[in-house]
């Protein structure tokens, strides 16, 4: 068989290139630590590697969510611990205020500390997390949930939404609790009310939080609502600021309270409900006293402070004070129960988070082991193979050098 010079050269070069390619591939495997450099090296292994890498990446995100969820649960637990401590202290002060030897001045001094505890509760309820989101505002994380009314008390501006975060493919964990559920929708020991300023008011008047001084009278009136409307000054003689107290359902005067001369800061008692109007309302302004079976925590505390300062030492007001203190203690217990229930839920969520975190760790170990078997190179075997391939490459180069010199011209 004749072998042309071109065939001889092509065969030699092909052998050198093949050996060089093998050597280069092994060198890349050793430098990267990976035996599958391209999908063409092992299509099946490449598919499995890609799937495992995606699973590990997703699990890494879940692990970040686990850390974030745990931090939020721990933060909320710390806040609720502070809330519990403040409620407990207010409860102690309420018991102290019931001491028969105390005067109205003594009770006013107690009211000062309760008011400080009230402010501390508001601060705790308006806590933000590290992402600058209000914890207890539901889905409205950018809105301060408990906003102070000019006339006293607070209004809840959040909603009842509860956010969740995925910590595994099948598990979502709640990351916040609505302030409405925690601090607003609390069962009341007795029929009660809450006060609001009219949305269209143009004056600077405000209604206080108020409290019940005659439970029997208010129970008879319940569940009717009251509306306080300010009349034109000429409605009475001599002319001056005045108001009427009307039923919401029938718009009729209550107990003949129509055209009542207004004196800012004076206690107004209607059907057992005690409240104050302050500031300078304008004719047409209105205020609402709305009946309720719920008593917000801050409403309980605000009403207590108002009662301690307003009720005197005469027998009638002392009896009203005793009833206020009794109702306050019961409402405080309901508030503590509400907080304790959520703290128990937080403990359950933390257990779930711990279990999922442990599961992620176990699965990740298995995935990493399989991934290593599929893509990691055996360095001892690769180095031995590289030594052999380098030898073969060198041999092919030397052979080509010798064979390329064989020519008929060399024998002539």
Foldseek 3Di string as FASTA:
>chain_A
DDDDLVNLLVVLVVLLVVLVVVLVLLVVCLVVLWNPPDCVSPVVLVVLLVVLVVVLVVLVVLVVVLVVLLQLLVLLLVLLVLVLVLLVVLLVLLVVLLPLVDFLVNLLVSLVVLVVSLVVNLDSQQDADPVQFGQAQAPPRVDRQWAADPQGGTHGDGDQHWDWDDNDPPDIFTRGGHCCLQFWQFFFPAKFWAKDWDPPWDFPKDKYGWTFLDRVLQVVVPQWKKKKAWAAQVVDPPGDTFIFIATPPPRHGAPPRGRHHDDFPDWDAGSRITMGMHGDTDHGIMMMIGIDRGAGLSSLSRNLSVLSNPQGSDPSSSVSSVVSSVRSSVRSVRSSVSSVVVSVVSVVSNVVSVVSSVVSVVVSVVSVVVSCVSIGDDNVVSVVVSVVSVVSSVVSVVVSVVVSPDDPVVVD
